[in-house]
All heavy atoms as atom14 arrays in JSON, in Angstrom:
{
  "sequence": "TWPRNNADFWQRKIETNRRRDKDTDERLAEEGWLSLRVWE",
  "atom14_mask": [
    [1, 1, 1, 1, 1, 1, 1, 0, 0, 0, 0, 0, 0, 0],
    [1, 1, 1, 1, 1, 1, 1, 1, 1, 1, 1, 1, 1, 1],
    [1, 1, 1, 1, 1, 1, 1, 0, 0, 0, 0, 0, 0, 0],
    [1, 1, 1, 1, 1, 1, 1, 1, 1, 1, 1, 0, 0, 0],
    [1, 1, 1, 1, 1, 1, 1, 1, 0, 0, 0, 0, 0, 0],
    [1, 1, 1, 1, 1, 1, 1, 1, 0, 0, 0, 0, 0, 0],
    [1, 1, 1, 1, 1, 0, 0, 0, 0, 0, 0, 0, 0, 0],
    [1, 1, 1, 1, 1, 1, 1, 1, 0, 0, 0, 0, 0, 0],
    [1, 1, 1, 1, 1, 1, 1, 1, 1, 1, 1, 0, 0, 0],
    [1, 1, 1, 1, 1, 1, 1, 1, 1, 1, 1, 1, 1, 1],
    [1, 1, 1, 1, 1, 1, 1, 1, 1, 0, 0, 0, 0, 0],
    [1, 1, 1, 1, 1, 1, 1, 1, 1, 1, 1, 0, 0, 0],
    [1, 1, 1, 1, 1, 1, 1, 1, 1, 0, 0, 0, 0, 0],
    [1, 1, 1, 1, 1, 1, 1, 1, 0, 0, 0, 0, 0, 0],
    [1, 1, 1, 1, 1, 1, 1, 1, 1, 0, 0, 0, 0, 0],
    [1, 1, 1, 1, 1, 1, 1, 0, 0, 0, 0, 0, 0, 0],
    [1, 1, 1, 1, 1, 1, 1, 1, 0, 0, 0, 0, 0, 0],
    [1, 1, 1, 1, 1, 1, 1, 1, 1, 1, 1, 0, 0, 0],
    [1, 1, 1, 1, 1, 1, 1, 1, 1, 1, 1, 0, 0, 0],
    [1, 1, 1, 1, 1, 1, 1, 1, 1, 1, 1, 0, 0, 0],
    [1, 1, 1, 1, 1, 1, 1, 1, 0, 0, 0, 0, 0, 0],
    [1, 1, 1, 1, 1, 1, 1, 1, 1, 0, 0, 0, 0, 0],
    [1, 1, 1, 1, 1, 1, 1, 1, 0, 0, 0, 0, 0, 0],
    [1, 1, 1, 1, 1, 1, 1, 0, 0, 0, 0, 0, 0, 0],
    [1, 1, 1, 1, 1, 1, 1, 1, 0, 0, 0, 0, 0, 0],
    [1, 1, 1, 1, 1, 1, 1, 1, 1, 0, 0, 0, 0, 0],
    [1, 1, 1, 1, 1, 1, 1, 1, 1, 1, 1, 0, 0, 0],
    [1, 1, 1, 1, 1, 1, 1, 1, 0, 0, 0, 0, 0, 0],
    [1, 1, 1, 1, 1, 0, 0, 0, 0, 0, 0, 0, 0, 0],
    [1, 1, 1, 1, 1, 1, 1, 1, 1, 0, 0, 0, 0, 0],
    [1, 1, 1, 1, 1, 1, 1, 1, 1, 0, 0, 0, 0, 0],
    [1, 1, 1, 1, 0, 0, 0, 0, 0, 0, 0, 0, 0, 0],
    [1, 1, 1, 1, 1, 1, 1, 1, 1, 1, 1, 1, 1, 1],
    [1, 1, 1, 1, 1, 1, 1, 1, 0, 0, 0, 0, 0, 0],
    [1, 1, 1, 1, 1, 1, 0, 0, 0, 0, 0, 0, 0, 0],
    [1, 1, 1, 1, 1, 1, 1, 1, 0, 0, 0, 0, 0, 0],
    [1, 1, 1, 1, 1, 1, 1, 1, 1, 1, 1, 0, 0, 0],
    [1, 1, 1, 1, 1, 1, 1, 0, 0, 0, 0, 0, 0, 0],
    [1, 1, 1, 1, 1, 1, 1, 1, 1, 1, 1, 1, 1, 1],
    [1, 1, 1, 1, 1, 1, 1, 1, 1, 0, 0, 0, 0, 0]
  ],
  "atom14_positions": [
    [[-24.96, -91.39, 33.64], [-24.85, -89.95, 33.41], [-24.04, -89.33, 34.54], [-23.97, -89.89, 35.63], [-26.24, -89.29, 33.38], [-26.9, -89.55, 34.62], [-27.07, -89.81, 32.22], [0.0, 0.0, 0.0], [0.0, 0.0, 0.0], [0.0, 0.0, 0.0], [0.0, 0.0, 0.0], [0.0, 0.0, 0.0], [0.0, 0.0, 0.0], [0.0, 0.0, 0.0]],
    [[-23.44, -88.21, 34.26], [-22.68, -87.48, 35.27], [-23.41, -86.18, 35.55], [-23.47, -85.3, 34.69], [-21.26, -87.21, 34.79], [-20.47, -88.46, 34.59], [-20.2, -89.06, 33.4], [-19.88, -89.27, 35.59], [-19.48, -90.2, 33.61], [-19.26, -90.37, 34.94], [-19.82, -89.2, 36.97], [-18.59, -91.36, 35.63], [-19.15, -90.19, 37.66], [-18.54, -91.26, 36.99]],
    [[-23.97, -86.04, 36.74], [-24.7, -84.81, 37.07], [-23.79, -83.59, 37.05], [-22.6, -83.69, 37.36], [-25.21, -85.07, 38.49], [-25.09, -86.53, 38.71], [-24.0, -87.01, 37.82], [0.0, 0.0, 0.0], [0.0, 0.0, 0.0], [0.0, 0.0, 0.0], [0.0, 0.0, 0.0], [0.0, 0.0, 0.0], [0.0, 0.0, 0.0], [0.0, 0.0, 0.0]],
    [[-24.37, -82.46, 36.71], [-23.59, -81.2, 36.72], [-23.58, -80.59, 38.11], [-22.59, -80.0, 38.51], [-24.19, -80.23, 35.72], [-23.97, -80.68, 34.31], [-24.36, -79.62, 33.3], [-24.37, -80.24, 31.99], [-25.34, -80.11, 31.13], [-26.38, -79.38, 31.41], [-25.27, -80.71, 29.96], [0.0, 0.0, 0.0], [0.0, 0.0, 0.0], [0.0, 0.0, 0.0]],
    [[-24.69, -80.72, 38.82], [-24.75, -80.19, 40.18], [-23.98, -81.1, 41.11], [-24.17, -82.31, 41.1], [-26.2, -80.07, 40.66], [-26.96, -79.01, 39.92], [-26.36, -78.11, 39.34], [-28.27, -79.1, 39.93], [0.0, 0.0, 0.0], [0.0, 0.0, 0.0], [0.0, 0.0, 0.0], [0.0, 0.0, 0.0], [0.0, 0.0, 0.0], [0.0, 0.0, 0.0]],
    [[-23.1, -80.5, 41.89], [-22.3, -81.24, 42.85], [-21.51, -82.37, 42.16], [-21.42, -83.5, 42.64], [-23.21, -81.8, 43.95], [-22.49, -81.95, 45.26], [-21.32, -81.63, 45.38], [-23.19, -82.46, 46.24], [0.0, 0.0, 0.0], [0.0, 0.0, 0.0], [0.0, 0.0, 0.0], [0.0, 0.0, 0.0], [0.0, 0.0, 0.0], [0.0, 0.0, 0.0]],
    [[-20.95, -82.04, 41.02], [-20.3, -83.03, 40.15], [-19.18, -83.8, 40.84], [-19.05, -85.01, 40.65], [-19.76, -82.34, 38.9], [0.0, 0.0, 0.0], [0.0, 0.0, 0.0], [0.0, 0.0, 0.0], [0.0, 0.0, 0.0], [0.0, 0.0, 0.0], [0.0, 0.0, 0.0], [0.0, 0.0, 0.0], [0.0, 0.0, 0.0], [0.0, 0.0, 0.0]],
    [[-18.36, -83.12, 41.64], [-17.26, -83.81, 42.31], [-17.77, -84.89, 43.25], [-17.24, -86.0, 43.3], [-16.38, -82.82, 43.08], [-15.58, -81.92, 42.16], [-15.39, -82.3, 40.99], [-15.16, -80.84, 42.62], [0.0, 0.0, 0.0], [0.0, 0.0, 0.0], [0.0, 0.0, 0.0], [0.0, 0.0, 0.0], [0.0, 0.0, 0.0], [0.0, 0.0, 0.0]],
    [[-18.79, -84.54, 44.03], [-19.38, -85.51, 44.95], [-19.87, -86.75, 44.2], [-19.58, -87.88, 44.59], [-20.54, -84.9, 45.74], [-21.36, -85.91, 46.47], [-20.94, -86.41, 47.69], [-22.55, -86.4, 45.93], [-21.68, -87.38, 48.36], [-23.3, -87.35, 46.6], [-22.86, -87.84, 47.82], [0.0, 0.0, 0.0], [0.0, 0.0, 0.0], [0.0, 0.0, 0.0]],
    [[-20.63, -86.52, 43.13], [-21.22, -87.65, 42.41], [-20.16, -88.49, 41.7], [-20.27, -89.72, 41.63], [-22.28, -87.17, 41.43], [-23.51, -86.76, 42.16], [-24.01, -85.51, 42.32], [-24.38, -87.63, 42.9], [-25.13, -85.54, 43.1], [-25.38, -86.83, 43.48], [-24.4, -89.0, 43.15], [-26.41, -87.36, 44.26], [-25.42, -89.52, 43.92], [-26.41, -88.71, 44.47]],
    [[-19.15, -87.85, 41.18], [-18.09, -88.61, 40.54], [-17.39, -89.51, 41.55], [-17.15, -90.68, 41.29], [-17.08, -87.71, 39.85], [-16.03, -88.52, 39.11], [-15.27, -87.71, 38.1], [-15.46, -86.51, 37.96], [-14.4, -88.38, 37.37], [0.0, 0.0, 0.0], [0.0, 0.0, 0.0], [0.0, 0.0, 0.0], [0.0, 0.0, 0.0], [0.0, 0.0, 0.0]],
    [[-17.07, -88.96, 42.73], [-16.45, -89.78, 43.79], [-17.38, -90.92, 44.21], [-16.94, -92.04, 44.39], [-16.12, -88.91, 45.01], [-14.82, -88.16, 44.9], [-14.38, -87.58, 46.25], [-15.43, -86.89, 46.96], [-15.76, -85.6, 46.78], [-15.09, -84.88, 45.9], [-16.71, -85.04, 47.48], [0.0, 0.0, 0.0], [0.0, 0.0, 0.0], [0.0, 0.0, 0.0]],
    [[-18.65, -90.63, 44.37], [-19.63, -91.62, 44.81], [-19.71, -92.78, 43.8], [-19.64, -93.95, 44.17], [-21.0, -90.95, 44.96], [-22.15, -91.89, 45.21], [-22.11, -92.45, 46.6], [-23.34, -93.3, 46.86], [-23.09, -94.3, 47.87], [0.0, 0.0, 0.0], [0.0, 0.0, 0.0], [0.0, 0.0, 0.0], [0.0, 0.0, 0.0], [0.0, 0.0, 0.0]],
    [[-19.85, -92.47, 42.55], [-20.0, -93.5, 41.51], [-18.69, -94.28, 41.33], [-18.71, -95.51, 41.2], [-20.5, -92.87, 40.19], [-21.93, -92.36, 40.4], [-20.43, -93.86, 39.04], [-22.46, -91.46, 39.31], [0.0, 0.0, 0.0], [0.0, 0.0, 0.0], [0.0, 0.0, 0.0], [0.0, 0.0, 0.0], [0.0, 0.0, 0.0], [0.0, 0.0, 0.0]],
    [[-17.57, -93.6, 41.36], [-16.28, -94.29, 41.26], [-16.05, -95.21, 42.47], [-15.51, -96.3, 42.33], [-15.12, -93.29, 41.12], [-15.1, -92.57, 39.78], [-14.97, -93.5, 38.58], [-14.31, -94.56, 38.7], [-15.53, -93.17, 37.52], [0.0, 0.0, 0.0], [0.0, 0.0, 0.0], [0.0, 0.0, 0.0], [0.0, 0.0, 0.0], [0.0, 0.0, 0.0]],
    [[-16.47, -94.77, 43.65], [-16.37, -95.62, 44.84], [-17.23, -96.86, 44.68], [-16.82, -97.97, 45.02], [-16.79, -94.83, 46.11], [-15.9, -93.72, 46.26], [-16.74, -95.7, 47.35], [0.0, 0.0, 0.0], [0.0, 0.0, 0.0], [0.0, 0.0, 0.0], [0.0, 0.0, 0.0], [0.0, 0.0, 0.0], [0.0, 0.0, 0.0], [0.0, 0.0, 0.0]],
    [[-18.43, -96.7, 44.15], [-19.31, -97.85, 43.89], [-18.65, -98.83, 42.92], [-18.69, -100.04, 43.12], [-20.66, -97.41, 43.33], [-21.52, -96.71, 44.36], [-21.23, -96.73, 45.55], [-22.56, -96.05, 43.9], [0.0, 0.0, 0.0], [0.0, 0.0, 0.0], [0.0, 0.0, 0.0], [0.0, 0.0, 0.0], [0.0, 0.0, 0.0], [0.0, 0.0, 0.0]],
    [[-18.03, -98.3, 41.88], [-17.37, -99.17, 40.9], [-16.22, -99.96, 41.53], [-16.05, -101.14, 41.27], [-16.82, -98.34, 39.74], [-17.86, -97.86, 38.77], [-17.2, -96.99, 37.73], [-18.04, -96.79, 36.58], [-17.75, -95.95, 35.6], [-16.62, -95.25, 35.64], [-18.55, -95.81, 34.58], [0.0, 0.0, 0.0], [0.0, 0.0, 0.0], [0.0, 0.0, 0.0]],
    [[-15.42, -99.27, 42.35], [-14.31, -99.94, 43.03], [-14.83, -101.03, 43.98], [-14.27, -102.11, 44.06], [-13.44, -98.94, 43.79], [-12.48, -98.16, 42.91], [-11.45, -97.4, 43.71], [-12.05, -96.44, 44.63], [-12.4, -95.19, 44.31], [-12.2, -94.76, 43.07], [-12.93, -94.38, 45.21], [0.0, 0.0, 0.0], [0.0, 0.0, 0.0], [0.0, 0.0, 0.0]],
    [[-15.9, -100.72, 44.7], [-16.48, -101.69, 45.62], [-17.03, -102.9, 44.85], [-16.86, -104.04, 45.27], [-17.59, -101.06, 46.47], [-18.09, -102.01, 47.55], [-19.21, -101.44, 48.38], [-20.34, -101.07, 47.55], [-20.81, -99.83, 47.4], [-20.25, -98.82, 48.03], [-21.83, -99.6, 46.62], [0.0, 0.0, 0.0], [0.0, 0.0, 0.0], [0.0, 0.0, 0.0]],
    [[-17.65, -102.67, 43.7], [-18.15, -103.77, 42.87], [-17.0, -104.68, 42.44], [-17.1, -105.91, 42.52], [-18.87, -103.25, 41.62], [-20.17, -102.53, 41.93], [-20.69, -102.68, 43.07], [-20.66, -101.81, 41.04], [0.0, 0.0, 0.0], [0.0, 0.0, 0.0], [0.0, 0.0, 0.0], [0.0, 0.0, 0.0], [0.0, 0.0, 0.0], [0.0, 0.0, 0.0]],
    [[-15.91, -104.08, 42.0], [-14.74, -104.86, 41.58], [-14.16, -105.64, 42.75], [-13.84, -106.83, 42.63], [-13.69, -103.92, 40.99], [-12.48, -104.6, 40.41], [-11.57, -103.57, 39.75], [-10.4, -104.21, 39.05], [-9.29, -104.5, 39.91], [0.0, 0.0, 0.0], [0.0, 0.0, 0.0], [0.0, 0.0, 0.0], [0.0, 0.0, 0.0], [0.0, 0.0, 0.0]],
    [[-14.07, -104.99, 43.9], [-13.55, -105.65, 45.1], [-14.47, -106.81, 45.51], [-13.99, -107.88, 45.89], [-13.43, -104.63, 46.24], [-12.9, -105.26, 47.51], [-11.74, -105.73, 47.49], [-13.63, -105.29, 48.52], [0.0, 0.0, 0.0], [0.0, 0.0, 0.0], [0.0, 0.0, 0.0], [0.0, 0.0, 0.0], [0.0, 0.0, 0.0], [0.0, 0.0, 0.0]],
    [[-15.77, -106.6, 45.43], [-16.72, -107.66, 45.76], [-16.52, -108.86, 44.85], [-16.46, -110.0, 45.32], [-18.18, -107.14, 45.62], [-18.37, -106.07, 46.55], [-19.19, -108.24, 45.88], [0.0, 0.0, 0.0], [0.0, 0.0, 0.0], [0.0, 0.0, 0.0], [0.0, 0.0, 0.0], [0.0, 0.0, 0.0], [0.0, 0.0, 0.0], [0.0, 0.0, 0.0]],
    [[-16.42, -108.62, 43.55], [-16.22, -109.71, 42.6], [-14.94, -110.48, 42.93], [-14.92, -111.72, 42.89], [-16.14, -109.17, 41.17], [-17.46, -108.56, 40.7], [-18.5, -108.74, 41.38], [-17.45, -107.87, 39.65], [0.0, 0.0, 0.0], [0.0, 0.0, 0.0], [0.0, 0.0, 0.0], [0.0, 0.0, 0.0], [0.0, 0.0, 0.0], [0.0, 0.0, 0.0]],
    [[-13.87, -109.77, 43.26], [-12.6, -110.41, 43.59], [-12.68, -111.23, 44.88], [-12.2, -112.35, 44.95], [-11.49, -109.36, 43.69], [-11.12, -108.75, 42.36], [-10.22, -107.53, 42.49], [-9.91, -107.1, 43.62], [-9.84, -106.98, 41.43], [0.0, 0.0, 0.0], [0.0, 0.0, 0.0], [0.0, 0.0, 0.0], [0.0, 0.0, 0.0], [0.0, 0.0, 0.0]],
    [[-13.32, -110.66, 45.9], [-13.46, -111.37, 47.19], [-14.29, -112.64, 47.03], [-13.95, -113.68, 47.6], [-14.11, -110.48, 48.23], [-13.2, -109.42, 48.77], [-13.98, -108.56, 49.75], [-13.15, -107.54, 50.32], [-13.18, -107.22, 51.6], [-13.99, -107.84, 52.43], [-12.4, -106.27, 52.05], [0.0, 0.0, 0.0], [0.0, 0.0, 0.0], [0.0, 0.0, 0.0]],
    [[-15.37, -112.55, 46.29], [-16.2, -113.74, 46.08], [-15.44, -114.79, 45.27], [-15.53, -115.98, 45.56], [-17.51, -113.37, 45.4], [-18.48, -112.51, 46.23], [-19.75, -112.23, 45.45], [-18.79, -113.15, 47.56], [0.0, 0.0, 0.0], [0.0, 0.0, 0.0], [0.0, 0.0, 0.0], [0.0, 0.0, 0.0], [0.0, 0.0, 0.0], [0.0, 0.0, 0.0]],
    [[-14.7, -114.36, 44.26], [-13.92, -115.29, 43.45], [-12.89, -116.04, 44.3], [-12.67, -117.24, 44.11], [-13.23, -114.55, 42.3], [0.0, 0.0, 0.0], [0.0, 0.0, 0.0], [0.0, 0.0, 0.0], [0.0, 0.0, 0.0], [0.0, 0.0, 0.0], [0.0, 0.0, 0.0], [0.0, 0.0, 0.0], [0.0, 0.0, 0.0], [0.0, 0.0, 0.0]],
    [[-12.28, -115.34, 45.24], [-11.31, -115.99, 46.15], [-11.95, -117.11, 46.95], [-11.28, -118.06, 47.35], [-10.71, -114.95, 47.11], [-9.75, -113.99, 46.46], [-9.36, -112.84, 47.39], [-9.79, -112.82, 48.56], [-8.63, -111.95, 46.91], [0.0, 0.0, 0.0], [0.0, 0.0, 0.0], [0.0, 0.0, 0.0], [0.0, 0.0, 0.0], [0.0, 0.0, 0.0]],
    [[-13.25, -117.0, 47.19], [-13.98, -118.02, 47.96], [-14.69, -119.04, 47.07], [-15.5, -119.83, 47.55], [-15.01, -117.33, 48.87], [-14.4, -116.41, 49.9], [-13.6, -117.16, 50.96], [-13.95, -118.31, 51.28], [-12.62, -116.58, 51.48], [0.0, 0.0, 0.0], [0.0, 0.0, 0.0], [0.0, 0.0, 0.0], [0.0, 0.0, 0.0], [0.0, 0.0, 0.0]],
    [[-14.41, -118.98, 45.76], [-14.99, -119.95, 44.84], [-16.35, -119.57, 44.28], [-17.04, -120.39, 43.67], [0.0, 0.0, 0.0], [0.0, 0.0, 0.0], [0.0, 0.0, 0.0], [0.0, 0.0, 0.0], [0.0, 0.0, 0.0], [0.0, 0.0, 0.0], [0.0, 0.0, 0.0], [0.0, 0.0, 0.0], [0.0, 0.0, 0.0], [0.0, 0.0, 0.0]],
    [[-16.75, -118.33, 44.46], [-18.03, -117.85, 43.95], [-17.83, -117.11, 42.64], [-16.77, -116.56, 42.37], [-18.68, -116.9, 44.95], [-19.28, -117.6, 46.11], [-18.62, -118.14, 47.18], [-20.67, -117.84, 46.32], [-19.52, -118.7, 48.04], [-20.79, -118.53, 47.55], [-21.82, -117.55, 45.61], [-22.02, -118.92, 48.06], [-23.04, -117.94, 46.12], [-23.14, -118.62, 47.33]],
    [[-18.88, -117.07, 41.84], [-18.88, -116.3, 40.59], [-19.91, -115.19, 40.73], [-21.06, -115.44, 41.08], [-19.25, -117.2, 39.4], [-19.35, -116.49, 38.06], [-17.98, -115.96, 37.64], [-19.88, -117.43, 37.0], [0.0, 0.0, 0.0], [0.0, 0.0, 0.0], [0.0, 0.0, 0.0], [0.0, 0.0, 0.0], [0.0, 0.0, 0.0], [0.0, 0.0, 0.0]],
    [[-19.48, -113.98, 40.48], [-20.38, -112.82, 40.49], [-20.88, -112.57, 39.09], [-20.08, -112.51, 38.15], [-19.66, -111.57, 40.97], [-19.25, -111.7, 42.3], [0.0, 0.0, 0.0], [0.0, 0.0, 0.0], [0.0, 0.0, 0.0], [0.0, 0.0, 0.0], [0.0, 0.0, 0.0], [0.0, 0.0, 0.0], [0.0, 0.0, 0.0], [0.0, 0.0, 0.0]],
    [[-22.18, -112.41, 38.96], [-22.78, -112.01, 37.69], [-23.37, -110.62, 37.88], [-24.1, -110.39, 38.84], [-23.89, -112.96, 37.26], [-23.49, -114.29, 36.66], [-24.72, -115.09, 36.3], [-22.64, -114.09, 35.43], [0.0, 0.0, 0.0], [0.0, 0.0, 0.0], [0.0, 0.0, 0.0], [0.0, 0.0, 0.0], [0.0, 0.0, 0.0], [0.0, 0.0, 0.0]],
    [[-23.07, -109.73, 36.99], [-23.59, -108.36, 37.04], [-24.62, -108.18, 35.94], [-24.37, -108.5, 34.78], [-22.46, -107.35, 36.86], [-21.39, -107.46, 37.93], [-21.64, -106.5, 39.03], [-20.78, -106.79, 40.18], [-21.02, -106.3, 41.36], [-22.04, -105.51, 41.57], [-20.23, -106.6, 42.37], [0.0, 0.0, 0.0], [0.0, 0.0, 0.0], [0.0, 0.0, 0.0]],
    [[-25.79, -107.7, 36.32], [-26.87, -107.42, 35.38], [-27.17, -105.93, 35.47], [-27.42, -105.41, 36.56], [-28.14, -108.23, 35.74], [-29.29, -107.84, 34.84], [-27.88, -109.72, 35.66], [0.0, 0.0, 0.0], [0.0, 0.0, 0.0], [0.0, 0.0, 0.0], [0.0, 0.0, 0.0], [0.0, 0.0, 0.0], [0.0, 0.0, 0.0], [0.0, 0.0, 0.0]],
    [[-27.12, -105.23, 34.34], [-27.47, -103.81, 34.33], [-28.98, -103.68, 34.32], [-29.69, -104.48, 33.73], [-26.89, -103.12, 33.1], [-25.41, -102.94, 33.16], [-24.48, -103.61, 32.43], [-24.69, -102.04, 34.0], [-23.22, -103.18, 32.76], [-23.32, -102.21, 33.73], [-25.06, -101.11, 34.96], [-22.33, -101.48, 34.38], [-24.07, -100.38, 35.61], [-22.72, -100.57, 35.32]],
    [[-29.47, -102.62, 34.95], [-30.91, -102.41, 35.03], [-31.56, -102.25, 33.66], [-32.75, -102.49, 33.51], [-31.25, -101.21, 35.91], [-30.9, -99.88, 35.31], [-31.31, -98.7, 36.17], [-32.22, -98.85, 37.01], [-30.72, -97.63, 35.99], [0.0, 0.0, 0.0], [0.0, 0.0, 0.0], [0.0, 0.0, 0.0], [0.0, 0.0, 0.0], [0.0, 0.0, 0.0]]
  ]
}
């Protein structure tokens, strides 16, 4: 969900998390690891 209060902050925060997740998966793959993502 995208909160209405302080929407810009939360959008940046969640998008930053997504970018970090993608970067993590790529870094681990470079080292021969496989990342599995499980949604709550």
